[in-house]
Amino acid sequence: MQKILKEWNNFLNEQKKHFEVLVALKYQKDFNLYGNVFNQIRAIDGITVSKTEDPGIIHLSADKRKAILRVKFIPTKKPFNRYLEYLRAKFLQIKDSEGDQILYVKFVNFPKELEKK
């Protein structure tokens, strides 16, 4: 019984590597970034947190907008670059309630590992 409890405690305390990356999204002005779109982002396998960074939404032109998101994730695919390709593809599949999609996805920085608490 002691062995089972020890193994169970090790299992509970084991944490996978958690990463954070800034993601730039470009989209049409009519695209509704908030609400359902954020729910779709959070539903992507491995993503744990997604929020808009300051300055929020940037107006690029009369019909284009850009937002910088801070995304925290636990990679579910190996190698690591395969997971990043998966993330980019999933972001490009997201549609708002009107059917508008994200036009462009760029990782602003290289993902950094977060410290375990």
PDB file of N, CA and C in Angstrom:
ATOM      1  N   MET A   1       0.819  -1.200   0.000  1.00  0.00           N
ATOM      2  CA  MET A   1       0.000   0.000   0.000  1.00  0.00           C
ATOM      3  C   MET A   1       0.862   1.263   0.000  1.00  0.00           C
ATOM      4  N   GLN A   2       1.965   1.228   0.763  1.00  0.00           N
ATOM      5  CA  GLN A   2       2.875   2.369   0.828  1.00  0.00           C
ATOM      6  C   GLN A   2       3.436   2.701  -0.558  1.00  0.00           C
ATOM      7  N   LYS A   3       3.779   1.648  -1.308  1.00  0.00           N
ATOM      8  CA  LYS A   3       4.344   1.847  -2.634  1.00  0.00           C
ATOM      9  C   LYS A   3       3.323   2.522  -3.554  1.00  0.00           C
ATOM     10  N   ILE A   4       2.082   2.092  -3.485  1.00  0.00           N
ATOM     11  CA  ILE A   4       1.018   2.682  -4.308  1.00  0.00           C
ATOM     12  C   ILE A   4       0.830   4.156  -3.953  1.00  0.00           C
ATOM     13  N   LEU A   5       0.803   4.476  -2.644  1.00  0.00           N
ATOM     14  CA  LEU A   5       0.658   5.871  -2.216  1.00  0.00           C
ATOM     15  C   LEU A   5       1.826   6.726  -2.674  1.00  0.00           C
ATOM     16  N   LYS A   6       3.038   6.187  -2.596  1.00  0.00           N
ATOM     17  CA  LYS A   6       4.222   6.926  -3.039  1.00  0.00           C
ATOM     18  C   LYS A   6       4.146   7.208  -4.538  1.00  0.00           C
ATOM     19  N   GLU A   7       3.801   6.203  -5.331  1.00  0.00           N
ATOM     20  CA  GLU A   7       3.680   6.390  -6.778  1.00  0.00           C
ATOM     21  C   GLU A   7       2.565   7.364  -7.113  1.00  0.00           C
ATOM     22  N   TRP A   8       1.458   7.298  -6.385  1.00  0.00           N
ATOM     23  CA  TRP A   8       0.338   8.215  -6.617  1.00  0.00           C
ATOM     24  C   TRP A   8       0.755   9.653  -6.307  1.00  0.00           C
ATOM     25  N   ASN A   9       1.479   9.864  -5.208  1.00  0.00           N
ATOM     26  CA  ASN A   9       1.962  11.202  -4.859  1.00  0.00           C
ATOM     27  C   ASN A   9       2.924  11.734  -5.912  1.00  0.00           C
ATOM     28  N   ASN A  10       3.796  10.886  -6.435  1.00  0.00           N
ATOM     29  CA  ASN A  10       4.699  11.305  -7.513  1.00  0.00           C
ATOM     30  C   ASN A  10       3.905  11.704  -8.743  1.00  0.00           C
ATOM     31  N   PHE A  11       2.872  10.935  -9.052  1.00  0.00           N
ATOM     32  CA  PHE A  11       2.031  11.243 -10.208  1.00  0.00           C
ATOM     33  C   PHE A  11       1.342  12.595 -10.029  1.00  0.00           C
ATOM     34  N   LEU A  12       0.815  12.851  -8.843  1.00  0.00           N
ATOM     35  CA  LEU A  12       0.117  14.117  -8.579  1.00  0.00           C
ATOM     36  C   LEU A  12       1.056  15.309  -8.630  1.00  0.00           C
ATOM     37  N   ASN A  13       2.297  15.131  -8.207  1.00  0.00           N
ATOM     38  CA  ASN A  13       3.253  16.240  -8.163  1.00  0.00           C
ATOM     39  C   ASN A  13       3.977  16.461  -9.480  1.00  0.00           C
ATOM     40  N   GLU A  14       3.903  15.507 -10.393  1.00  0.00           N
ATOM     41  CA  GLU A  14       4.600  15.637 -11.664  1.00  0.00           C
ATOM     42  C   GLU A  14       3.924  16.716 -12.510  1.00  0.00           C
ATOM     43  N   GLN A  15       4.718  17.677 -12.974  1.00  0.00           N
ATOM     44  CA  GLN A  15       4.180  18.736 -13.818  1.00  0.00           C
ATOM     45  C   GLN A  15       4.894  18.706 -15.155  1.00  0.00           C
ATOM     46  N   LYS A  16       4.125  18.927 -16.182  1.00  0.00           N
ATOM     47  CA  LYS A  16       4.723  19.015 -17.504  1.00  0.00           C
ATOM     48  C   LYS A  16       5.248  20.431 -17.713  1.00  0.00           C
ATOM     49  N   LYS A  17       6.097  20.608 -18.709  1.00  0.00           N
ATOM     50  CA  LYS A  17       6.649  21.928 -18.998  1.00  0.00           C
ATOM     51  C   LYS A  17       5.555  22.837 -19.535  1.00  0.00           C
ATOM     52  N   HIS A  18       5.507  24.018 -18.978  1.00  0.00           N
ATOM     53  CA  HIS A  18       4.498  25.025 -19.323  1.00  0.00           C
ATOM     54  C   HIS A  18       5.230  26.170 -20.026  1.00  0.00           C
ATOM     55  N   PHE A  19       4.707  26.618 -21.179  1.00  0.00           N
ATOM     56  CA  PHE A  19       5.365  27.649 -21.968  1.00  0.00           C
ATOM     57  C   PHE A  19       4.443  28.844 -22.175  1.00  0.00           C
ATOM     58  N   GLU A  20       5.066  29.964 -22.550  1.00  0.00           N
ATOM     59  CA  GLU A  20       4.318  31.182 -22.849  1.00  0.00           C
ATOM     60  C   GLU A  20       4.895  31.789 -24.126  1.00  0.00           C
ATOM     61  N   VAL A  21       4.008  32.318 -24.977  1.00  0.00           N
ATOM     62  CA  VAL A  21       4.445  32.941 -26.225  1.00  0.00           C
ATOM     63  C   VAL A  21       3.505  34.106 -26.550  1.00  0.00           C
ATOM     64  N   LEU A  22       4.049  35.117 -27.220  1.00  0.00           N
ATOM     65  CA  LEU A  22       3.216  36.197 -27.732  1.00  0.00           C
ATOM     66  C   LEU A  22       2.853  35.861 -29.172  1.00  0.00           C
ATOM     67  N   VAL A  23       1.578  35.991 -29.494  1.00  0.00           N
ATOM     68  CA  VAL A  23       1.080  35.652 -30.826  1.00  0.00           C
ATOM     69  C   VAL A  23       0.414  36.883 -31.421  1.00  0.00           C
ATOM     70  N   ALA A  24       0.841  37.260 -32.631  1.00  0.00           N
ATOM     71  CA  ALA A  24       0.214  38.378 -33.343  1.00  0.00           C
ATOM     72  C   ALA A  24      -0.815  37.804 -34.312  1.00  0.00           C
ATOM     73  N   LEU A  25      -2.032  38.327 -34.248  1.00  0.00           N
ATOM     74  CA  LEU A  25      -3.112  37.920 -35.143  1.00  0.00           C
ATOM     75  C   LEU A  25      -3.532  39.109 -35.988  1.00  0.00           C
ATOM     76  N   LYS A  26      -3.588  38.920 -37.291  1.00  0.00           N
ATOM     77  CA  LYS A  26      -4.086  39.968 -38.184  1.00  0.00           C
ATOM     78  C   LYS A  26      -5.437  39.521 -38.710  1.00  0.00           C
ATOM     79  N   TYR A  27      -6.391  40.452 -38.766  1.00  0.00           N
ATOM     80  CA  TYR A  27      -7.741  40.098 -39.190  1.00  0.00           C
ATOM     81  C   TYR A  27      -8.454  41.313 -39.760  1.00  0.00           C
ATOM     82  N   GLN A  28      -9.586  41.061 -40.457  1.00  0.00           N
ATOM     83  CA  GLN A  28     -10.415  42.134 -41.021  1.00  0.00           C
ATOM     84  C   GLN A  28     -11.075  42.914 -39.901  1.00  0.00           C
ATOM     85  N   LYS A  29     -11.397  44.185 -40.149  1.00  0.00           N
ATOM     86  CA  LYS A  29     -11.968  45.041 -39.099  1.00  0.00           C
ATOM     87  C   LYS A  29     -13.290  44.505 -38.557  1.00  0.00           C
ATOM     88  N   ASP A  30     -14.043  43.747 -39.352  1.00  0.00           N
ATOM     89  CA  ASP A  30     -15.336  43.237 -38.911  1.00  0.00           C
ATOM     90  C   ASP A  30     -15.221  41.963 -38.065  1.00  0.00           C
ATOM     91  N   PHE A  31     -14.027  41.406 -37.980  1.00  0.00           N
ATOM     92  CA  PHE A  31     -13.807  40.186 -37.204  1.00  0.00           C
ATOM     93  C   PHE A  31     -14.008  40.499 -35.726  1.00  0.00           C
ATOM     94  N   ASN A  32     -14.788  39.673 -35.031  1.00  0.00           N
ATOM     95  CA  ASN A  32     -15.069  39.871 -33.609  1.00  0.00           C
ATOM     96  C   ASN A  32     -14.137  38.994 -32.792  1.00  0.00           C
ATOM     97  N   LEU A  33     -13.039  39.584 -32.307  1.00  0.00           N
ATOM     98  CA  LEU A  33     -12.009  38.832 -31.595  1.00  0.00           C
ATOM     99  C   LEU A  33     -12.482  38.311 -30.245  1.00  0.00           C
ATOM    100  N   TYR A  34     -13.277  39.074 -29.550  1.00  0.00           N
ATOM    101  CA  TYR A  34     -13.646  38.717 -28.173  1.00  0.00           C
ATOM    102  C   TYR A  34     -14.813  37.734 -28.129  1.00  0.00           C
ATOM    103  N   GLY A  35     -15.031  37.140 -26.964  1.00  0.00           N
ATOM    104  CA  GLY A  35     -16.152  36.219 -26.772  1.00  0.00           C
ATOM    105  C   GLY A  35     -15.871  34.841 -27.315  1.00  0.00           C
ATOM    106  N   ASN A  36     -16.629  34.440 -28.316  1.00  0.00           N
ATOM    107  CA  ASN A  36     -16.556  33.092 -28.859  1.00  0.00           C
ATOM    108  C   ASN A  36     -15.169  32.758 -29.414  1.00  0.00           C
ATOM    109  N   VAL A  37     -14.492  33.724 -29.996  1.00  0.00           N
ATOM    110  CA  VAL A  37     -13.165  33.460 -30.554  1.00  0.00           C
ATOM    111  C   VAL A  37     -12.183  33.079 -29.442  1.00  0.00           C
ATOM    112  N   PHE A  38     -12.213  33.801 -28.326  1.00  0.00           N
ATOM    113  CA  PHE A  38     -11.339  33.445 -27.206  1.00  0.00           C
ATOM    114  C   PHE A  38     -11.679  32.068 -26.658  1.00  0.00           C
ATOM    115  N   ASN A  39     -12.944  31.715 -26.638  1.00  0.00           N
ATOM    116  CA  ASN A  39     -13.332  30.370 -26.205  1.00  0.00           C
ATOM    117  C   ASN A  39     -12.754  29.319 -27.143  1.00  0.00           C
ATOM    118  N   GLN A  40     -12.751  29.595 -28.448  1.00  0.00           N
ATOM    119  CA  GLN A  40     -12.177  28.653 -29.415  1.00  0.00           C
ATOM    120  C   GLN A  40     -10.671  28.533 -29.226  1.00  0.00           C
ATOM    121  N   ILE A  41     -10.013  29.654 -28.924  1.00  0.00           N
ATOM    122  CA  ILE A  41      -8.568  29.618 -28.688  1.00  0.00           C
ATOM    123  C   ILE A  41      -8.269  28.773 -27.456  1.00  0.00           C
ATOM    124  N   ARG A  42      -9.007  29.000 -26.387  1.00  0.00           N
ATOM    125  CA  ARG A  42      -8.779  28.241 -25.148  1.00  0.00           C
ATOM    126  C   ARG A  42      -9.104  26.755 -25.322  1.00  0.00           C
ATOM    127  N   ALA A  43      -9.912  26.429 -26.305  1.00  0.00           N
ATOM    128  CA  ALA A  43     -10.275  25.034 -26.554  1.00  0.00           C
ATOM    129  C   ALA A  43      -9.206  24.273 -27.346  1.00  0.00           C
ATOM    130  N   ILE A  44      -8.209  24.979 -27.876  1.00  0.00           N
ATOM    131  CA  ILE A  44      -7.136  24.317 -28.618  1.00  0.00           C
ATOM    132  C   ILE A  44      -6.342  23.446 -27.648  1.00  0.00           C
ATOM    133  N   ASP A  45      -6.070  22.220 -28.068  1.00  0.00           N
ATOM    134  CA  ASP A  45      -5.369  21.242 -27.240  1.00  0.00           C
ATOM    135  C   ASP A  45      -4.036  21.800 -26.748  1.00  0.00           C
ATOM    136  N   GLY A  46      -3.863  21.869 -25.433  1.00  0.00           N
ATOM    137  CA  GLY A  46      -2.615  22.323 -24.830  1.00  0.00           C
ATOM    138  C   GLY A  46      -2.650  23.745 -24.318  1.00  0.00           C
ATOM    139  N   ILE A  47      -3.531  24.592 -24.840  1.00  0.00           N
ATOM    140  CA  ILE A  47      -3.588  25.988 -24.384  1.00  0.00           C
ATOM    141  C   ILE A  47      -4.270  26.047 -23.026  1.00  0.00           C
ATOM    142  N   THR A  48      -3.626  26.763 -22.115  1.00  0.00           N
ATOM    143  CA  THR A  48      -4.183  26.894 -20.769  1.00  0.00           C
ATOM    144  C   THR A  48      -4.711  28.291 -20.495  1.00  0.00           C
ATOM    145  N   VAL A  49      -4.061  29.330 -21.063  1.00  0.00           N
ATOM    146  CA  VAL A  49      -4.486  30.714 -20.852  1.00  0.00           C
ATOM    147  C   VAL A  49      -4.268  31.493 -22.136  1.00  0.00           C
ATOM    148  N   SER A  50      -5.198  32.393 -22.434  1.00  0.00           N
ATOM    149  CA  SER A  50      -5.054  33.285 -23.586  1.00  0.00           C
ATOM    150  C   SER A  50      -5.671  34.620 -23.222  1.00  0.00           C
ATOM    151  N   LYS A  51      -4.892  35.688 -23.384  1.00  0.00           N
ATOM    152  CA  LYS A  51      -5.431  37.016 -23.105  1.00  0.00           C
ATOM    153  C   LYS A  51      -4.754  38.043 -23.990  1.00  0.00           C
ATOM    154  N   THR A  52      -5.413  39.179 -24.180  1.00  0.00           N
ATOM    155  CA  THR A  52      -4.882  40.252 -25.018  1.00  0.00           C
ATOM    156  C   THR A  52      -3.824  41.028 -24.246  1.00  0.00           C
ATOM    157  N   GLU A  53      -2.747  41.339 -24.922  1.00  0.00           N
ATOM    158  CA  GLU A  53      -1.680  42.158 -24.357  1.00  0.00           C
ATOM    159  C   GLU A  53      -1.965  43.623 -24.635  1.00  0.00           C
ATOM    160  N   ASP A  54      -1.353  44.515 -23.850  1.00  0.00           N
ATOM    161  CA  ASP A  54      -1.420  45.945 -24.173  1.00  0.00           C
ATOM    162  C   ASP A  54      -0.627  46.167 -25.428  1.00  0.00           C
ATOM    163  N   PRO A  55      -0.978  46.986 -26.344  1.00  0.00           N
ATOM    164  CA  PRO A  55      -2.065  47.969 -26.304  1.00  0.00           C
ATOM    165  C   PRO A  55      -3.403  47.418 -26.770  1.00  0.00           C
ATOM    166  N   GLY A  56      -3.581  46.112 -26.798  1.00  0.00           N
ATOM    167  CA  GLY A  56      -4.851  45.539 -27.240  1.00  0.00           C
ATOM    168  C   GLY A  56      -4.913  45.449 -28.739  1.00  0.00           C
ATOM    169  N   ILE A  57      -5.941  46.033 -29.326  1.00  0.00           N
ATOM    170  CA  ILE A  57      -6.131  45.962 -30.773  1.00  0.00           C
ATOM    171  C   ILE A  57      -5.442  47.148 -31.440  1.00  0.00           C
ATOM    172  N   ILE A  58      -4.672  46.856 -32.473  1.00  0.00           N
ATOM    173  CA  ILE A  58      -3.937  47.875 -33.216  1.00  0.00           C
ATOM    174  C   ILE A  58      -4.581  48.025 -34.587  1.00  0.00           C
ATOM    175  N   HIS A  59      -4.895  49.261 -34.987  1.00  0.00           N
ATOM    176  CA  HIS A  59      -5.483  49.537 -36.305  1.00  0.00           C
ATOM    177  C   HIS A  59      -4.346  49.656 -37.316  1.00  0.00           C
ATOM    178  N   LEU A  60      -4.255  48.699 -38.230  1.00  0.00           N
ATOM    179  CA  LEU A  60      -3.202  48.696 -39.240  1.00  0.00           C
ATOM    180  C   LEU A  60      -3.576  49.549 -40.443  1.00  0.00           C
ATOM    181  N   SER A  61      -4.848  49.468 -40.836  1.00  0.00           N
ATOM    182  CA  SER A  61      -5.361  50.245 -41.966  1.00  0.00           C
ATOM    183  C   SER A  61      -6.866  50.376 -41.771  1.00  0.00           C
ATOM    184  N   ALA A  62      -7.536  50.938 -42.765  1.00  0.00           N
ATOM    185  CA  ALA A  62      -8.985  51.136 -42.651  1.00  0.00           C
ATOM    186  C   ALA A  62      -9.734  49.824 -42.483  1.00  0.00           C
ATOM    187  N   ASP A  63      -9.196  48.734 -43.044  1.00  0.00           N
ATOM    188  CA  ASP A  63      -9.932  47.465 -42.978  1.00  0.00           C
ATOM    189  C   ASP A  63      -9.175  46.320 -42.295  1.00  0.00           C
ATOM    190  N   LYS A  64      -7.995  46.570 -41.738  1.00  0.00           N
ATOM    191  CA  LYS A  64      -7.211  45.508 -41.093  1.00  0.00           C
ATOM    192  C   LYS A  64      -6.879  45.895 -39.650  1.00  0.00           C
ATOM    193  N   ARG A  65      -6.905  44.877 -38.779  1.00  0.00           N
ATOM    194  CA  ARG A  65      -6.581  45.052 -37.366  1.00  0.00           C
ATOM    195  C   ARG A  65      -5.575  43.985 -36.951  1.00  0.00           C
ATOM    196  N   LYS A  66      -4.880  44.267 -35.861  1.00  0.00           N
ATOM    197  CA  LYS A  66      -3.931  43.299 -35.322  1.00  0.00           C
ATOM    198  C   LYS A  66      -4.076  43.297 -33.803  1.00  0.00           C
ATOM    199  N   ALA A  67      -3.945  42.120 -33.214  1.00  0.00           N
ATOM    200  CA  ALA A  67      -3.959  41.977 -31.760  1.00  0.00           C
ATOM    201  C   ALA A  67      -2.785  41.100 -31.353  1.00  0.00           C
ATOM    202  N   ILE A  68      -2.203  41.429 -30.214  1.00  0.00           N
ATOM    203  CA  ILE A  68      -1.138  40.616 -29.646  1.00  0.00           C
ATOM    204  C   ILE A  68      -1.743  39.859 -28.469  1.00  0.00           C
ATOM    205  N   LEU A  69      -1.623  38.543 -28.502  1.00  0.00           N
ATOM    206  CA  LEU A  69      -2.138  37.703 -27.429  1.00  0.00           C
ATOM    207  C   LEU A  69      -0.982  37.072 -26.660  1.00  0.00           C
ATOM    208  N   ARG A  70      -1.138  36.969 -25.356  1.00  0.00           N
ATOM    209  CA  ARG A  70      -0.215  36.202 -24.521  1.00  0.00           C
ATOM    210  C   ARG A  70      -0.875  34.843 -24.325  1.00  0.00           C
ATOM    211  N   VAL A  71      -0.209  33.812 -24.815  1.00  0.00           N
ATOM    212  CA  VAL A  71      -0.772  32.464 -24.775  1.00  0.00           C
ATOM    213  C   VAL A  71       0.147  31.568 -23.951  1.00  0.00           C
ATOM    214  N   LYS A  72      -0.439  30.887 -22.971  1.00  0.00           N
ATOM    215  CA  LYS A  72       0.297  29.904 -22.181  1.00  0.00           C
ATOM    216  C   LYS A  72      -0.186  28.521 -22.606  1.00  0.00           C
ATOM    217  N   PHE A  73       0.760  27.587 -22.701  1.00  0.00           N
ATOM    218  CA  PHE A  73       0.386  26.260 -23.194  1.00  0.00           C
ATOM    219  C   PHE A  73       1.324  25.186 -22.673  1.00  0.00           C
ATOM    220  N   ILE A  74       0.822  23.969 -22.730  1.00  0.00           N
ATOM    221  CA  ILE A  74       1.603  22.768 -22.465  1.00  0.00           C
ATOM    222  C   ILE A  74       1.606  21.992 -23.776  1.00  0.00           C
ATOM    223  N   PRO A  75       2.762  21.874 -24.440  1.00  0.00           N
ATOM    224  CA  PRO A  75       2.793  21.201 -25.742  1.00  0.00           C
ATOM    225  C   PRO A  75       2.287  19.770 -25.652  1.00  0.00           C
ATOM    226  N   THR A  76       1.438  19.399 -26.593  1.00  0.00           N
ATOM    227  CA  THR A  76       0.885  18.046 -26.605  1.00  0.00           C
ATOM    228  C   THR A  76       1.438  17.212 -27.747  1.00  0.00           C
ATOM    229  N   LYS A  77       2.227  17.835 -28.599  1.00  0.00           N
ATOM    230  CA  LYS A  77       2.828  17.118 -29.727  1.00  0.00           C
ATOM    231  C   LYS A  77       4.343  17.307 -29.680  1.00  0.00           C
ATOM    232  N   LYS A  78       5.048  16.285 -30.108  1.00  0.00           N
ATOM    233  CA  LYS A  78       6.498  16.375 -30.179  1.00  0.00           C
ATOM    234  C   LYS A  78       6.905  16.107 -31.610  1.00  0.00           C
ATOM    235  N   PRO A  79       7.944  16.682 -32.112  1.00  0.00           N
ATOM    236  CA  PRO A  79       8.810  17.661 -31.482  1.00  0.00           C
ATOM    237  C   PRO A  79       8.105  19.009 -31.287  1.00  0.00           C
ATOM    238  N   PHE A  80       8.789  19.893 -30.581  1.00  0.00           N
ATOM    239  CA  PHE A  80       8.218  21.175 -30.181  1.00  0.00           C
ATOM    240  C   PHE A  80       7.747  21.993 -31.387  1.00  0.00           C
ATOM    241  N   ASN A  81       8.556  22.043 -32.449  1.00  0.00           N
ATOM    242  CA  ASN A  81       8.168  22.836 -33.628  1.00  0.00           C
ATOM    243  C   ASN A  81       6.902  22.293 -34.283  1.00  0.00           C
ATOM    244  N   ARG A  82       6.639  21.007 -34.143  1.00  0.00           N
ATOM    245  CA  ARG A  82       5.396  20.434 -34.681  1.00  0.00           C
ATOM    246  C   ARG A  82       4.196  20.993 -33.924  1.00  0.00           C
ATOM    247  N   TYR A  83       4.339  21.153 -32.615  1.00  0.00           N
ATOM    248  CA  TYR A  83       3.247  21.724 -31.832  1.00  0.00           C
ATOM    249  C   TYR A  83       3.000  23.180 -32.234  1.00  0.00           C
ATOM    250  N   LEU A  84       4.072  23.943 -32.480  1.00  0.00           N
ATOM    251  CA  LEU A  84       3.906  25.337 -32.910  1.00  0.00           C
ATOM    252  C   LEU A  84       3.207  25.421 -34.270  1.00  0.00           C
ATOM    253  N   GLU A  85       3.536  24.522 -35.187  1.00  0.00           N
ATOM    254  CA  GLU A  85       2.843  24.463 -36.483  1.00  0.00           C
ATOM    255  C   GLU A  85       1.371  24.130 -36.276  1.00  0.00           C
ATOM    256  N   TYR A  86       1.107  23.209 -35.358  1.00  0.00           N
ATOM    257  CA  TYR A  86      -0.271  22.835 -35.022  1.00  0.00           C
ATOM    258  C   TYR A  86      -1.032  24.053 -34.486  1.00  0.00           C
ATOM    259  N   LEU A  87      -0.403  24.809 -33.570  1.00  0.00           N
ATOM    260  CA  LEU A  87      -1.051  26.010 -33.031  1.00  0.00           C
ATOM    261  C   LEU A  87      -1.395  27.002 -34.140  1.00  0.00           C
ATOM    262  N   ARG A  88      -0.438  27.267 -35.007  1.00  0.00           N
ATOM    263  CA  ARG A  88      -0.657  28.224 -36.100  1.00  0.00           C
ATOM    264  C   ARG A  88      -1.839  27.768 -36.967  1.00  0.00           C
ATOM    265  N   ALA A  89      -1.874  26.502 -37.316  1.00  0.00           N
ATOM    266  CA  ALA A  89      -2.958  25.965 -38.149  1.00  0.00           C
ATOM    267  C   ALA A  89      -4.306  26.087 -37.442  1.00  0.00           C
ATOM    268  N   LYS A  90      -4.338  25.814 -36.138  1.00  0.00           N
ATOM    269  CA  LYS A  90      -5.593  25.903 -35.376  1.00  0.00           C
ATOM    270  C   LYS A  90      -6.089  27.349 -35.298  1.00  0.00           C
ATOM    271  N   PHE A  91      -5.168  28.301 -35.096  1.00  0.00           N
ATOM    272  CA  PHE A  91      -5.558  29.709 -35.073  1.00  0.00           C
ATOM    273  C   PHE A  91      -6.187  30.117 -36.404  1.00  0.00           C
ATOM    274  N   LEU A  92      -5.614  29.642 -37.499  1.00  0.00           N
ATOM    275  CA  LEU A  92      -6.121  30.018 -38.827  1.00  0.00           C
ATOM    276  C   LEU A  92      -7.480  29.394 -39.134  1.00  0.00           C
ATOM    277  N   GLN A  93      -7.868  28.369 -38.406  1.00  0.00           N
ATOM    278  CA  GLN A  93      -9.176  27.733 -38.606  1.00  0.00           C
ATOM    279  C   GLN A  93     -10.297  28.416 -37.832  1.00  0.00           C
ATOM    280  N   ILE A  94      -9.954  29.272 -36.896  1.00  0.00           N
ATOM    281  CA  ILE A  94     -10.962  29.907 -36.038  1.00  0.00           C
ATOM    282  C   ILE A  94     -11.802  30.899 -36.833  1.00  0.00           C
ATOM    283  N   LYS A  95     -13.117  30.832 -36.603  1.00  0.00           N
ATOM    284  CA  LYS A  95     -14.061  31.754 -37.244  1.00  0.00           C
ATOM    285  C   LYS A  95     -14.887  32.444 -36.176  1.00  0.00           C
ATOM    286  N   ASP A  96     -15.246  33.705 -36.441  1.00  0.00           N
ATOM    287  CA  ASP A  96     -16.154  34.381 -35.513  1.00  0.00           C
ATOM    288  C   ASP A  96     -17.590  34.010 -35.862  1.00  0.00           C
ATOM    289  N   SER A  97     -18.552  34.612 -35.180  1.00  0.00           N
ATOM    290  CA  SER A  97     -19.963  34.247 -35.368  1.00  0.00           C
ATOM    291  C   SER A  97     -20.471  34.560 -36.770  1.00  0.00           C
ATOM    292  N   GLU A  98     -19.804  35.474 -37.478  1.00  0.00           N
ATOM    293  CA  GLU A  98     -20.200  35.823 -38.855  1.00  0.00           C
ATOM    294  C   GLU A  98     -19.471  34.978 -39.897  1.00  0.00           C
ATOM    295  N   GLY A  99     -18.539  34.140 -39.452  1.00  0.00           N
ATOM    296  CA  GLY A  99     -17.789  33.296 -40.385  1.00  0.00           C
ATOM    297  C   GLY A  99     -16.469  33.895 -40.828  1.00  0.00           C
ATOM    298  N   ASP A 100     -16.120  35.093 -40.320  1.00  0.00           N
ATOM    299  CA  ASP A 100     -14.838  35.708 -40.659  1.00  0.00           C
ATOM    300  C   ASP A 100     -13.705  34.968 -39.962  1.00  0.00           C
ATOM    301  N   GLN A 101     -12.543  34.917 -40.629  1.00  0.00           N
ATOM    302  CA  GLN A 101     -11.403  34.180 -40.094  1.00  0.00           C
ATOM    303  C   GLN A 101     -10.206  35.081 -39.832  1.00  0.00           C
ATOM    304  N   ILE A 102      -9.255  34.543 -39.073  1.00  0.00           N
ATOM    305  CA  ILE A 102      -7.973  35.210 -38.854  1.00  0.00           C
ATOM    306  C   ILE A 102      -7.189  35.111 -40.154  1.00  0.00           C
ATOM    307  N   LEU A 103      -6.545  36.210 -40.564  1.00  0.00           N
ATOM    308  CA  LEU A 103      -5.821  36.240 -41.832  1.00  0.00           C
ATOM    309  C   LEU A 103      -4.370  35.787 -41.702  1.00  0.00           C
ATOM    310  N   TYR A 104      -3.772  36.069 -40.553  1.00  0.00           N
ATOM    311  CA  TYR A 104      -2.336  35.863 -40.412  1.00  0.00           C
ATOM    312  C   TYR A 104      -2.003  35.600 -38.942  1.00  0.00           C
ATOM    313  N   VAL A 105      -1.095  34.666 -38.708  1.00  0.00           N
ATOM    314  CA  VAL A 105      -0.655  34.339 -37.349  1.00  0.00           C
ATOM    315  C   VAL A 105       0.873  34.361 -37.332  1.00  0.00           C
ATOM    316  N   LYS A 106       1.434  35.065 -36.348  1.00  0.00           N
ATOM    317  CA  LYS A 106       2.893  35.119 -36.218  1.00  0.00           C
ATOM    318  C   LYS A 106       3.266  35.015 -34.744  1.00  0.00           C
ATOM    319  N   PHE A 107       4.244  34.167 -34.450  1.00  0.00           N
ATOM    320  CA  PHE A 107       4.777  34.097 -33.096  1.00  0.00           C
ATOM    321  C   PHE A 107       5.771  35.245 -32.953  1.00  0.00           C
ATOM    322  N   VAL A 108       5.494  36.162 -32.031  1.00  0.00           N
ATOM    323  CA  VAL A 108       6.291  37.378 -31.869  1.00  0.00           C
ATOM    324  C   VAL A 108       7.629  37.072 -31.200  1.00  0.00           C
ATOM    325  N   ASN A 109       7.644  36.134 -30.296  1.00  0.00           N
ATOM    326  CA  ASN A 109       8.881  35.752 -29.620  1.00  0.00           C
ATOM    327  C   ASN A 109       8.974  34.229 -29.592  1.00  0.00           C
ATOM    328  N   PHE A 110      10.150  33.746 -29.263  1.00  0.00           N
ATOM    329  CA  PHE A 110      10.301  32.304 -29.120  1.00  0.00           C
ATOM    330  C   PHE A 110       9.655  31.916 -27.798  1.00  0.00           C
ATOM    331  N   PRO A 111       8.868  30.835 -27.769  1.00  0.00           N
ATOM    332  CA  PRO A 111       8.209  30.423 -26.518  1.00  0.00           C
ATOM    333  C   PRO A 111       9.231  30.223 -25.397  1.00  0.00           C
ATOM    334  N   LYS A 112       8.871  30.730 -24.220  1.00  0.00           N
ATOM    335  CA  LYS A 112       9.768  30.547 -23.075  1.00  0.00           C
ATOM    336  C   LYS A 112       9.091  29.654 -22.043  1.00  0.00           C
ATOM    337  N   GLU A 113       9.931  28.842 -21.393  1.00  0.00           N
ATOM    338  CA  GLU A 113       9.401  27.943 -20.368  1.00  0.00           C
ATOM    339  C   GLU A 113       9.109  28.742 -19.108  1.00  0.00           C
ATOM    340  N   LEU A 114       7.950  28.492 -18.523  1.00  0.00           N
ATOM    341  CA  LEU A 114       7.564  29.164 -17.283  1.00  0.00           C
ATOM    342  C   LEU A 114       8.116  28.385 -16.101  1.00  0.00           C
ATOM    343  N   GLU A 115       8.449  29.089 -15.039  1.00  0.00           N
ATOM    344  CA  GLU A 115       8.964  28.441 -13.843  1.00  0.00           C
ATOM    345  C   GLU A 115       7.862  27.655 -13.158  1.00  0.00           C
ATOM    346  N   LYS A 116       8.221  26.502 -12.639  1.00  0.00           N
ATOM    347  CA  LYS A 116       7.252  25.699 -11.883  1.00  0.00           C
ATOM    348  C   LYS A 116       7.088  26.311 -10.510  1.00  0.00           C
ATOM    349  N   LYS A 117       5.846  26.324 -10.044  1.00  0.00           N
ATOM    350  CA  LYS A 117       5.579  26.903  -8.725  1.00  0.00           C
ATOM    351  C   LYS A 117       5.420  25.822  -7.691  1.00  0.00           C
TER     352      LYS A 117
END
